[in-house]
Amino acid sequence: MKFIIAAIVSVSFFSTSNIYSQNSFTQLKAEQLADFKEKILNSNEKIAKFSIQTITAKSKKSPALALLFSFILPGAGHFYINRMDVGKYFLGVDAASWIGLASLNIYGNDVRDEARTFSKQHADINNLDNKSDDYFTDIGSFDNIYEYNNDKLTRGQYELLYDVNNNYWNWDDTQNKNIYETQRKSSERIYNTRIVFGSILITNRIISGISALLLANKENKKNSSLNVQPELLYKKDYSFDGIRINLNKNF
């Protein structure tokens, strides 16, 4: 009888121990799975953050706007695309051209005004105001207004006749008339030289626009990138199943 009772107690003890061991193993497995899942989630968060940093790219610049800005002001298109290391030269040429053009205007005006003042002193002109440029050209070609009007009457160019009272002139000396004519022609040559700076202003804008356009396209290609976005995959029981890599190309 004692043997039977001892056997029953032994069986019960081993059964209880087995059940406890199974429960402990199950609980341990669940804890390990939860811990593993938490690590994966943390890893996924880091990867996601890395992915966001990777896909951050510089904003692209419009080549058309770079071209337009350069036509308005050389160097402005390069400033728009952050390439003033090149644009500063176009801006410098533009500034120098404007200074040259303004200088010629000032110098030409001074020579012209000096010649007209000389004509008032030596051609007995009453008033220099309200006189056309053609008038100051004509007084350098004829000794007086009567000689000029007779020439136009002979040619039948009646519409070109001057009113004697308002447009009178009479040179005191032929040499003074020649001095005036030399000064007047000198002012014209100075004005004509302005076309050089005008041409530079136009050409500089065209070249600056083309340069900004090409550099904008080049910078946009440089800023295009290949984005790598890793993604962790899970099974239905939240167990780790692998990694998927997503590739994104920015143009």
Protein backbone atom coordinates (compact mmCIF):
# COMPACT_ATOMS: atom_id res chain seq x y z
CA MET A 1 0.00 0.00 0.00
CA LYS A 2 2.85 2.38 0.91
CA PHE A 3 4.53 1.59 -2.42
CA ILE A 4 1.39 2.57 -4.36
CA ILE A 5 1.06 5.86 -2.45
CA ALA A 6 4.75 6.67 -3.10
CA ALA A 7 4.32 5.95 -6.81
CA ILE A 8 1.27 8.22 -7.01
CA VAL A 9 3.15 11.06 -5.25
CA SER A 10 6.14 10.64 -7.59
CA VAL A 11 3.96 10.75 -10.70
CA SER A 12 2.14 13.84 -9.42
CA PHE A 13 5.45 15.56 -8.63
CA PHE A 14 6.92 14.88 -12.07
CA SER A 15 3.69 15.94 -13.78
CA THR A 16 3.58 19.17 -11.83
CA SER A 17 7.25 19.79 -12.53
CA ASN A 18 6.72 19.15 -16.24
CA ILE A 19 3.73 21.48 -16.41
CA TYR A 20 5.64 24.16 -14.52
CA SER A 21 8.64 23.72 -16.82
CA GLN A 22 6.42 24.01 -19.92
CA ASN A 23 4.74 27.13 -18.56
CA SER A 24 8.11 28.63 -17.65
CA PHE A 25 9.46 27.87 -21.12
CA THR A 26 6.36 29.34 -22.76
CA GLN A 27 6.63 32.47 -20.61
CA LEU A 28 10.36 32.75 -21.37
CA LYS A 29 9.71 32.36 -25.07
CA ALA A 30 7.02 35.04 -24.97
CA GLU A 31 9.34 37.41 -23.11
CA GLN A 32 12.14 36.78 -25.59
CA LEU A 33 9.77 37.34 -28.53
CA ALA A 34 8.54 40.60 -27.01
CA ASP A 35 12.11 41.71 -26.37
CA PHE A 36 13.11 40.77 -29.92
CA LYS A 37 10.12 42.62 -31.33
CA GLU A 38 11.02 45.73 -29.34
CA LYS A 39 14.58 45.61 -30.67
CA ILE A 40 13.30 45.28 -34.22
CA LEU A 41 10.95 48.20 -33.78
CA ASN A 42 13.77 50.29 -32.38
CA SER A 43 15.97 49.26 -35.30
CA ASN A 44 13.19 50.12 -37.71
CA GLU A 45 12.87 53.57 -36.15
CA LYS A 46 16.58 54.19 -36.66
CA ILE A 47 16.44 52.96 -40.22
CA ALA A 48 13.43 55.15 -40.92
CA LYS A 49 15.27 58.16 -39.54
CA PHE A 50 18.29 57.33 -41.69
CA SER A 51 16.04 56.97 -44.71
CA ILE A 52 14.49 60.39 -44.15
CA GLN A 53 17.92 61.97 -43.95
CA THR A 54 19.00 60.21 -47.08
CA ILE A 55 16.15 61.45 -49.27
CA THR A 56 16.66 65.08 -48.26
CA ALA A 57 17.95 66.84 -51.41
CA LYS A 58 18.59 70.39 -52.55
CA SER A 59 15.73 72.16 -54.28
CA LYS A 60 16.19 72.49 -58.02
CA LYS A 61 16.56 75.83 -59.77
CA SER A 62 14.67 76.76 -62.91
CA PRO A 63 17.04 77.19 -65.91
CA ALA A 64 14.42 79.43 -67.57
CA LEU A 65 14.41 81.82 -64.61
CA ALA A 66 18.20 81.83 -64.51
CA LEU A 67 18.19 82.81 -68.19
CA LEU A 68 15.58 85.55 -67.65
CA PHE A 69 17.34 87.04 -64.64
CA SER A 70 20.62 87.19 -66.57
CA PHE A 71 18.94 89.03 -69.44
CA ILE A 72 17.67 91.63 -66.97
CA LEU A 73 20.95 91.93 -65.06
CA PRO A 74 24.06 89.88 -65.90
CA GLY A 75 25.05 87.86 -62.84
CA ALA A 76 21.53 87.80 -61.39
CA GLY A 77 20.88 84.37 -62.89
CA HIS A 78 24.09 83.06 -61.36
CA PHE A 79 23.10 84.54 -58.00
CA TYR A 80 19.77 82.69 -58.30
CA ILE A 81 21.56 79.35 -58.73
CA ASN A 82 24.20 80.17 -56.09
CA ARG A 83 27.05 80.44 -58.61
CA MET A 84 28.28 83.99 -58.10
CA ASP A 85 31.82 82.64 -58.43
CA VAL A 86 31.04 82.84 -62.16
CA GLY A 87 28.37 85.53 -62.13
CA LYS A 88 30.63 88.16 -60.57
CA TYR A 89 32.54 88.49 -63.84
CA PHE A 90 29.40 89.16 -65.88
CA LEU A 91 28.21 91.65 -63.26
CA GLY A 92 31.59 93.38 -63.34
CA VAL A 93 31.55 93.70 -67.14
CA ASP A 94 28.02 95.12 -67.00
CA ALA A 95 28.96 97.69 -64.35
CA ALA A 96 32.07 98.74 -66.29
CA SER A 97 30.04 99.10 -69.50
CA TRP A 98 27.45 101.33 -67.82
CA ILE A 99 30.23 103.47 -66.34
CA GLY A 100 31.86 103.76 -69.76
CA LEU A 101 28.56 104.66 -71.40
CA ALA A 102 27.76 107.30 -68.77
CA SER A 103 31.27 108.74 -69.05
CA LEU A 104 30.96 109.12 -72.81
CA ASN A 105 27.60 110.83 -72.41
CA ILE A 106 29.03 113.32 -69.92
CA TYR A 107 32.15 113.95 -72.01
CA GLY A 108 30.17 114.27 -75.23
CA ASN A 109 27.75 116.72 -73.64
CA ASP A 110 30.63 118.85 -72.38
CA VAL A 111 32.27 119.03 -75.83
CA ARG A 112 28.92 119.74 -77.50
CA ASP A 113 27.99 122.50 -75.03
CA GLU A 114 31.43 124.06 -75.38
CA ALA A 115 31.04 124.16 -79.17
CA ARG A 116 27.58 125.73 -78.94
CA THR A 117 28.78 128.32 -76.46
CA PHE A 118 31.59 129.13 -78.89
CA SER A 119 29.06 129.56 -81.70
CA LYS A 120 27.01 131.99 -79.63
CA GLN A 121 30.09 134.12 -79.05
CA HIS A 122 31.32 134.16 -82.64
CA ALA A 123 28.20 133.68 -84.78
CA ASP A 124 25.98 136.26 -83.08
CA ILE A 125 23.31 133.71 -82.09
CA ASN A 126 20.74 135.28 -79.79
CA ASN A 127 19.49 132.19 -77.97
CA LEU A 128 20.75 128.60 -77.89
CA ASP A 129 17.52 127.22 -76.42
CA ASN A 130 14.89 125.45 -78.52
CA LYS A 131 17.32 124.86 -81.35
CA SER A 132 17.44 121.48 -83.09
CA ASP A 133 20.56 119.41 -83.67
CA ASP A 134 20.11 120.04 -87.41
CA TYR A 135 20.37 123.76 -86.77
CA PHE A 136 23.76 123.39 -85.08
CA THR A 137 24.89 121.21 -87.97
CA ASP A 138 23.79 123.80 -90.52
CA ILE A 139 25.55 126.74 -88.86
CA GLY A 140 28.81 124.84 -89.17
CA SER A 141 28.30 124.51 -92.94
CA PHE A 142 27.26 128.07 -93.88
CA ASP A 143 28.71 131.45 -92.97
CA ASN A 144 25.31 132.97 -92.22
CA ILE A 145 21.59 132.32 -92.40
CA TYR A 146 21.16 134.15 -95.70
CA GLU A 147 23.67 131.92 -97.44
CA TYR A 148 21.85 128.89 -96.04
CA ASN A 149 18.36 130.07 -97.10
CA ASN A 150 19.55 130.94 -100.61
CA ASP A 151 20.96 127.43 -100.96
CA LYS A 152 17.61 125.89 -99.96
CA LEU A 153 15.68 128.18 -102.29
CA THR A 154 17.94 127.15 -105.15
CA ARG A 155 17.28 123.49 -104.37
CA GLY A 156 13.56 124.03 -103.94
CA GLN A 157 13.65 122.83 -100.32
CA TYR A 158 11.29 125.48 -99.02
CA GLU A 159 10.29 123.50 -95.94
CA LEU A 160 13.89 123.71 -94.68
CA LEU A 161 14.07 127.51 -94.67
CA TYR A 162 14.88 129.21 -91.33
CA ASP A 163 13.09 132.21 -89.91
CA VAL A 164 15.65 135.01 -89.80
CA ASN A 165 14.38 136.54 -86.55
CA ASN A 166 14.45 133.31 -84.50
CA ASN A 167 17.36 131.44 -86.10
CA TYR A 168 19.79 134.15 -87.11
CA TRP A 169 23.54 133.53 -87.27
CA ASN A 170 26.49 135.23 -88.92
CA TRP A 171 30.05 134.06 -88.30
CA ASP A 172 32.59 136.78 -87.54
CA ASP A 173 35.37 134.73 -89.09
CA THR A 174 35.61 131.63 -91.27
CA GLN A 175 38.34 130.22 -89.06
CA ASN A 176 36.06 130.42 -86.01
CA LYS A 177 33.38 128.61 -87.97
CA ASN A 178 35.88 125.85 -88.72
CA ILE A 179 36.89 125.64 -85.04
CA TYR A 180 33.24 125.24 -84.10
CA GLU A 181 32.71 122.58 -86.76
CA THR A 182 35.72 120.62 -85.49
CA GLN A 183 34.35 120.69 -81.95
CA ARG A 184 30.89 119.69 -83.09
CA LYS A 185 32.19 116.72 -85.06
CA SER A 186 34.33 115.70 -82.10
CA SER A 187 31.22 115.53 -79.92
CA GLU A 188 29.49 113.39 -82.55
CA ARG A 189 32.40 110.95 -82.62
CA ILE A 190 32.22 110.68 -78.85
CA TYR A 191 28.50 109.93 -79.03
CA ASN A 192 29.04 107.37 -81.77
CA THR A 193 31.57 105.55 -79.58
CA ARG A 194 28.70 104.75 -77.20
CA ILE A 195 27.64 102.00 -79.58
CA VAL A 196 30.68 100.00 -78.46
CA PHE A 197 29.51 99.92 -74.85
CA GLY A 198 25.94 99.38 -75.95
CA SER A 199 27.01 96.31 -77.90
CA ILE A 200 28.96 95.03 -74.89
CA LEU A 201 25.88 95.44 -72.68
CA ILE A 202 23.74 93.38 -75.07
CA THR A 203 26.39 90.71 -75.74
CA ASN A 204 27.18 90.35 -72.05
CA ARG A 205 23.52 89.66 -71.29
CA ILE A 206 23.29 86.98 -73.95
CA ILE A 207 26.46 85.20 -72.82
CA SER A 208 25.51 85.55 -69.15
CA GLY A 209 22.07 84.07 -69.86
CA ILE A 210 23.51 81.07 -71.71
CA SER A 211 26.06 80.50 -68.95
CA ALA A 212 23.41 80.63 -66.21
CA LEU A 213 21.18 78.26 -68.19
CA LEU A 214 23.93 75.67 -68.63
CA LEU A 215 25.07 75.91 -65.02
CA ALA A 216 21.48 75.54 -63.75
CA ASN A 217 21.08 72.32 -65.72
CA LYS A 218 24.44 71.09 -64.47
CA GLU A 219 23.61 71.88 -60.83
CA ASN A 220 20.23 70.16 -61.12
CA LYS A 221 21.88 66.98 -62.42
CA LYS A 222 24.42 67.14 -59.61
CA ASN A 223 21.68 67.46 -56.99
CA SER A 224 19.73 64.46 -58.30
CA SER A 225 20.32 61.46 -55.99
CA LEU A 226 19.58 57.79 -55.51
CA ASN A 227 17.58 57.32 -52.29
CA VAL A 228 17.81 54.03 -50.40
CA GLN A 229 14.84 53.27 -48.13
CA PRO A 230 15.15 50.02 -46.14
CA GLU A 231 11.94 48.43 -44.85
CA LEU A 232 11.70 45.64 -42.24
CA LEU A 233 9.27 42.83 -42.97
CA TYR A 234 7.34 40.81 -40.34
CA LYS A 235 5.28 37.65 -40.33
CA LYS A 236 1.78 37.47 -38.92
CA ASP A 237 3.16 36.43 -35.52
CA TYR A 238 5.40 39.53 -35.53
CA SER A 239 8.50 37.47 -36.10
CA PHE A 240 11.24 38.98 -38.27
CA ASP A 241 10.92 37.96 -41.92
CA GLY A 242 13.62 39.98 -43.71
CA ILE A 243 14.52 43.40 -45.12
CA ARG A 244 13.25 45.00 -48.33
CA ILE A 245 15.28 47.78 -50.01
CA ASN A 246 13.37 50.50 -51.90
CA LEU A 247 15.35 52.55 -54.44
CA ASN A 248 14.20 56.01 -55.47
CA LYS A 249 15.91 58.09 -58.17
CA ASN A 250 15.47 61.87 -58.09
CA PHE A 251 16.04 63.75 -61.35
